[in-house]
Amino acid sequence: MATLLAWTALEYPKKDRRKDWFWAVGIIAISGAVSAILSHNTLFAILILIAIATLLFYSKREPREIQCKITDSSIVVGTTAYPFERVTNFWIDEEKEILLIHADKLMFSTIAIAIDIVGVDAVRETLAPHLPESPLHRSPFETLFEYLGF
């Protein structure tokens, strides 16, 4: 398996969150938990508090650098390989410098990979002989979560 193009990328964009973001998330979570308790749904209240605690814990974590590469048979992101046979198409968001690939997966079928280090043209030239390029968009939920600061 020959490597055609390799680079490193952050696993997700780093976000600097201010204290008011944490306060807003905390107030929303506590309000949800209190309303669940008032509705006699204690288990749901516990679930809300655990979910928010996990979210807050991971929001403080720094993104890791992952190795990405395009080989003659697949796209490799970290330890996960996406063989060209299982990838239907790709799209490059030139404004954000993100490679979007559509894989045959039940969940998370559209995968976003930062390509700002290697550049748009290099990735397009490398993938064009292997996959068709057609428009892809991130899911509406991903766009909403990005807007809310997650």
C-alpha atoms as a PDB file:
ATOM      1  CA  MET A   1       0.000   0.000   0.000  1.00  0.00           C
ATOM      2  CA  ALA A   2       1.782   3.097  -1.253  1.00  0.00           C
ATOM      3  CA  THR A   3       1.153   6.439   0.432  1.00  0.00           C
ATOM      4  CA  LEU A   4       0.227   9.112  -2.098  1.00  0.00           C
ATOM      5  CA  LEU A   5      -0.309  12.027   0.320  1.00  0.00           C
ATOM      6  CA  ALA A   6       0.135  12.334   4.104  1.00  0.00           C
ATOM      7  CA  TRP A   7      -0.494  15.080   6.679  1.00  0.00           C
ATOM      8  CA  THR A   8      -1.491  15.675  10.285  1.00  0.00           C
ATOM      9  CA  ALA A   9      -4.721  17.341  11.368  1.00  0.00           C
ATOM     10  CA  LEU A  10      -6.506  18.138  14.602  1.00  0.00           C
ATOM     11  CA  GLU A  11      -9.291  15.649  15.360  1.00  0.00           C
ATOM     12  CA  TYR A  12     -11.692  18.588  15.721  1.00  0.00           C
ATOM     13  CA  PRO A  13     -11.341  22.390  15.587  1.00  0.00           C
ATOM     14  CA  LYS A  14     -10.130  23.860  18.868  1.00  0.00           C
ATOM     15  CA  LYS A  15     -12.670  26.191  20.437  1.00  0.00           C
ATOM     16  CA  ASP A  16     -11.913  28.725  23.107  1.00  0.00           C
ATOM     17  CA  ARG A  17     -14.986  28.802  25.301  1.00  0.00           C
ATOM     18  CA  ARG A  18     -15.639  31.641  27.686  1.00  0.00           C
ATOM     19  CA  LYS A  19     -17.027  31.234  31.185  1.00  0.00           C
ATOM     20  CA  ASP A  20     -20.488  32.383  30.082  1.00  0.00           C
ATOM     21  CA  TRP A  21     -20.726  29.375  27.713  1.00  0.00           C
ATOM     22  CA  PHE A  22     -20.165  27.011  30.640  1.00  0.00           C
ATOM     23  CA  TRP A  23     -22.704  28.915  32.754  1.00  0.00           C
ATOM     24  CA  ALA A  24     -25.311  28.733  29.974  1.00  0.00           C
ATOM     25  CA  VAL A  25     -24.810  24.990  29.481  1.00  0.00           C
ATOM     26  CA  GLY A  26     -24.971  24.419  33.248  1.00  0.00           C
ATOM     27  CA  ILE A  27     -28.157  26.448  33.688  1.00  0.00           C
ATOM     28  CA  ILE A  28     -29.852  24.655  30.784  1.00  0.00           C
ATOM     29  CA  ALA A  29     -28.807  21.260  32.169  1.00  0.00           C
ATOM     30  CA  ILE A  30     -29.985  21.992  35.703  1.00  0.00           C
ATOM     31  CA  SER A  31     -33.273  23.375  34.356  1.00  0.00           C
ATOM     32  CA  GLY A  32     -33.781  20.210  32.334  1.00  0.00           C
ATOM     33  CA  ALA A  33     -32.952  18.004  35.307  1.00  0.00           C
ATOM     34  CA  VAL A  34     -35.298  19.926  37.628  1.00  0.00           C
ATOM     35  CA  SER A  35     -38.138  19.740  35.109  1.00  0.00           C
ATOM     36  CA  ALA A  36     -37.526  15.986  34.735  1.00  0.00           C
ATOM     37  CA  ILE A  37     -37.677  15.546  38.516  1.00  0.00           C
ATOM     38  CA  LEU A  38     -40.891  17.608  38.708  1.00  0.00           C
ATOM     39  CA  SER A  39     -42.318  15.297  36.022  1.00  0.00           C
ATOM     40  CA  HIS A  40     -41.449  12.317  38.259  1.00  0.00           C
ATOM     41  CA  ASN A  41     -38.777  11.169  35.828  1.00  0.00           C
ATOM     42  CA  THR A  42     -35.724  10.894  38.062  1.00  0.00           C
ATOM     43  CA  LEU A  43     -33.884   8.534  35.734  1.00  0.00           C
ATOM     44  CA  PHE A  44     -34.067  11.084  32.909  1.00  0.00           C
ATOM     45  CA  ALA A  45     -32.771  13.796  35.267  1.00  0.00           C
ATOM     46  CA  ILE A  46     -29.797  11.604  36.153  1.00  0.00           C
ATOM     47  CA  LEU A  47     -29.191  10.941  32.455  1.00  0.00           C
ATOM     48  CA  ILE A  48     -29.229  14.693  31.702  1.00  0.00           C
ATOM     49  CA  LEU A  49     -26.725  15.419  34.480  1.00  0.00           C
ATOM     50  CA  ILE A  50     -24.381  12.602  33.394  1.00  0.00           C
ATOM     51  CA  ALA A  51     -24.574  13.717  29.756  1.00  0.00           C
ATOM     52  CA  ILE A  52     -23.809  17.343  30.614  1.00  0.00           C
ATOM     53  CA  ALA A  53     -20.968  16.359  32.953  1.00  0.00           C
ATOM     54  CA  THR A  54     -19.459  14.293  30.119  1.00  0.00           C
ATOM     55  CA  LEU A  55     -19.933  17.155  27.656  1.00  0.00           C
ATOM     56  CA  LEU A  56     -18.263  19.648  29.979  1.00  0.00           C
ATOM     57  CA  PHE A  57     -15.400  17.235  30.660  1.00  0.00           C
ATOM     58  CA  TYR A  58     -14.711  16.713  26.952  1.00  0.00           C
ATOM     59  CA  SER A  59     -15.106  20.395  26.124  1.00  0.00           C
ATOM     60  CA  LYS A  60     -12.047  21.122  28.267  1.00  0.00           C
ATOM     61  CA  ARG A  61      -9.970  18.480  26.456  1.00  0.00           C
ATOM     62  CA  GLU A  62      -7.422  19.608  23.871  1.00  0.00           C
ATOM     63  CA  PRO A  63      -7.852  18.075  20.386  1.00  0.00           C
ATOM     64  CA  ARG A  64      -5.257  15.473  19.458  1.00  0.00           C
ATOM     65  CA  GLU A  65      -3.231  15.516  16.272  1.00  0.00           C
ATOM     66  CA  ILE A  66      -4.065  12.576  14.052  1.00  0.00           C
ATOM     67  CA  GLN A  67      -2.209  11.186  11.069  1.00  0.00           C
ATOM     68  CA  CYS A  68      -4.137  11.294   7.793  1.00  0.00           C
ATOM     69  CA  LYS A  69      -3.074   9.809   4.494  1.00  0.00           C
ATOM     70  CA  ILE A  70      -4.350   8.868   1.107  1.00  0.00           C
ATOM     71  CA  THR A  71      -2.970   5.590  -0.170  1.00  0.00           C
ATOM     72  CA  ASP A  72      -3.481   3.879  -3.497  1.00  0.00           C
ATOM     73  CA  SER A  73      -6.423   1.918  -2.016  1.00  0.00           C
ATOM     74  CA  SER A  74      -7.921   3.957   0.853  1.00  0.00           C
ATOM     75  CA  ILE A  75      -8.185   7.117   2.910  1.00  0.00           C
ATOM     76  CA  VAL A  76      -6.708   6.594   6.381  1.00  0.00           C
ATOM     77  CA  VAL A  77      -7.697   8.846   9.296  1.00  0.00           C
ATOM     78  CA  GLY A  78      -5.863   7.936  12.484  1.00  0.00           C
ATOM     79  CA  THR A  79      -6.311   4.191  12.851  1.00  0.00           C
ATOM     80  CA  THR A  80      -9.419   3.959  10.660  1.00  0.00           C
ATOM     81  CA  ALA A  81      -9.097   3.121   6.973  1.00  0.00           C
ATOM     82  CA  TYR A  82     -11.844   3.920   4.489  1.00  0.00           C
ATOM     83  CA  PRO A  83     -11.240   1.741   1.402  1.00  0.00           C
ATOM     84  CA  PHE A  84     -12.179   3.368  -1.901  1.00  0.00           C
ATOM     85  CA  GLU A  85     -14.688   0.551  -2.502  1.00  0.00           C
ATOM     86  CA  ARG A  86     -16.650   1.705   0.563  1.00  0.00           C
ATOM     87  CA  VAL A  87     -16.437   5.439  -0.197  1.00  0.00           C
ATOM     88  CA  THR A  88     -19.009   6.700  -2.687  1.00  0.00           C
ATOM     89  CA  ASN A  89     -17.658  10.182  -3.344  1.00  0.00           C
ATOM     90  CA  PHE A  90     -15.751  13.122  -1.937  1.00  0.00           C
ATOM     91  CA  TRP A  91     -16.190  16.888  -1.770  1.00  0.00           C
ATOM     92  CA  ILE A  92     -13.796  19.630  -0.760  1.00  0.00           C
ATOM     93  CA  ASP A  93     -15.129  22.645   1.116  1.00  0.00           C
ATOM     94  CA  GLU A  94     -12.607  25.152  -0.178  1.00  0.00           C
ATOM     95  CA  GLU A  95     -13.723  27.923   2.175  1.00  0.00           C
ATOM     96  CA  LYS A  96     -13.103  25.898   5.348  1.00  0.00           C
ATOM     97  CA  GLU A  97     -10.420  23.651   3.786  1.00  0.00           C
ATOM     98  CA  ILE A  98     -12.196  20.449   4.762  1.00  0.00           C
ATOM     99  CA  LEU A  99     -12.357  17.162   2.882  1.00  0.00           C
ATOM    100  CA  LEU A 100     -15.767  15.493   3.134  1.00  0.00           C
ATOM    101  CA  ILE A 101     -16.062  11.834   2.214  1.00  0.00           C
ATOM    102  CA  HIS A 102     -19.236   9.768   2.084  1.00  0.00           C
ATOM    103  CA  ALA A 103     -18.622   6.232   3.344  1.00  0.00           C
ATOM    104  CA  ASP A 104     -20.947   3.227   3.476  1.00  0.00           C
ATOM    105  CA  LYS A 105     -21.510   3.427   7.218  1.00  0.00           C
ATOM    106  CA  LEU A 106     -24.757   3.281   9.096  1.00  0.00           C
ATOM    107  CA  MET A 107     -23.858   6.184  11.406  1.00  0.00           C
ATOM    108  CA  PHE A 108     -21.616   9.131  10.618  1.00  0.00           C
ATOM    109  CA  SER A 109     -21.598   8.403   6.893  1.00  0.00           C
ATOM    110  CA  THR A 110     -20.089  11.815   6.080  1.00  0.00           C
ATOM    111  CA  ILE A 111     -16.603  12.220   7.503  1.00  0.00           C
ATOM    112  CA  ALA A 112     -14.904  15.642   7.675  1.00  0.00           C
ATOM    113  CA  ILE A 113     -11.108  15.862   7.553  1.00  0.00           C
ATOM    114  CA  ALA A 114      -9.102  19.096   7.839  1.00  0.00           C
ATOM    115  CA  ILE A 115      -6.766  19.560   4.867  1.00  0.00           C
ATOM    116  CA  ASP A 116      -5.419  23.050   5.520  1.00  0.00           C
ATOM    117  CA  ILE A 117      -1.824  21.798   5.796  1.00  0.00           C
ATOM    118  CA  VAL A 118      -1.612  20.017   2.420  1.00  0.00           C
ATOM    119  CA  GLY A 119      -3.985  22.228   0.473  1.00  0.00           C
ATOM    120  CA  VAL A 120      -7.116  21.793  -1.581  1.00  0.00           C
ATOM    121  CA  ASP A 121      -5.448  21.206  -4.946  1.00  0.00           C
ATOM    122  CA  ALA A 122      -3.117  18.448  -3.726  1.00  0.00           C
ATOM    123  CA  VAL A 123      -5.995  16.490  -2.172  1.00  0.00           C
ATOM    124  CA  ARG A 124      -8.225  16.928  -5.226  1.00  0.00           C
ATOM    125  CA  GLU A 125      -5.471  15.770  -7.606  1.00  0.00           C
ATOM    126  CA  THR A 126      -4.739  12.751  -5.433  1.00  0.00           C
ATOM    127  CA  LEU A 127      -8.362  11.613  -5.008  1.00  0.00           C
ATOM    128  CA  ALA A 128      -9.697  12.412  -8.511  1.00  0.00           C
ATOM    129  CA  PRO A 129      -8.411   9.216 -10.172  1.00  0.00           C
ATOM    130  CA  HIS A 130      -9.989   7.046  -7.444  1.00  0.00           C
ATOM    131  CA  LEU A 131     -13.312   8.681  -6.490  1.00  0.00           C
ATOM    132  CA  PRO A 132     -15.920  10.929  -8.086  1.00  0.00           C
ATOM    133  CA  GLU A 133     -16.241  14.456  -6.733  1.00  0.00           C
ATOM    134  CA  SER A 134     -19.804  15.560  -6.052  1.00  0.00           C
ATOM    135  CA  PRO A 135     -21.320  17.995  -3.542  1.00  0.00           C
ATOM    136  CA  LEU A 136     -21.615  16.820   0.059  1.00  0.00           C
ATOM    137  CA  HIS A 137     -22.741  18.772   3.080  1.00  0.00           C
ATOM    138  CA  ARG A 138     -22.310  18.274   6.775  1.00  0.00           C
ATOM    139  CA  SER A 139     -25.408  17.113   8.613  1.00  0.00           C
ATOM    140  CA  PRO A 140     -27.783  19.787   9.936  1.00  0.00           C
ATOM    141  CA  PHE A 141     -27.135  18.566  13.492  1.00  0.00           C
ATOM    142  CA  GLU A 142     -23.386  19.002  13.057  1.00  0.00           C
ATOM    143  CA  THR A 143     -23.948  22.527  11.737  1.00  0.00           C
ATOM    144  CA  LEU A 144     -26.274  23.330  14.657  1.00  0.00           C
ATOM    145  CA  PHE A 145     -23.820  21.970  17.248  1.00  0.00           C
ATOM    146  CA  GLU A 146     -21.000  23.962  15.656  1.00  0.00           C
ATOM    147  CA  TYR A 147     -23.136  27.120  15.844  1.00  0.00           C
ATOM    148  CA  LEU A 148     -23.904  26.451  19.527  1.00  0.00           C
ATOM    149  CA  GLY A 149     -20.211  26.049  20.290  1.00  0.00           C
ATOM    150  CA  PHE A 150     -19.959  22.286  20.759  1.00  0.00           C
END
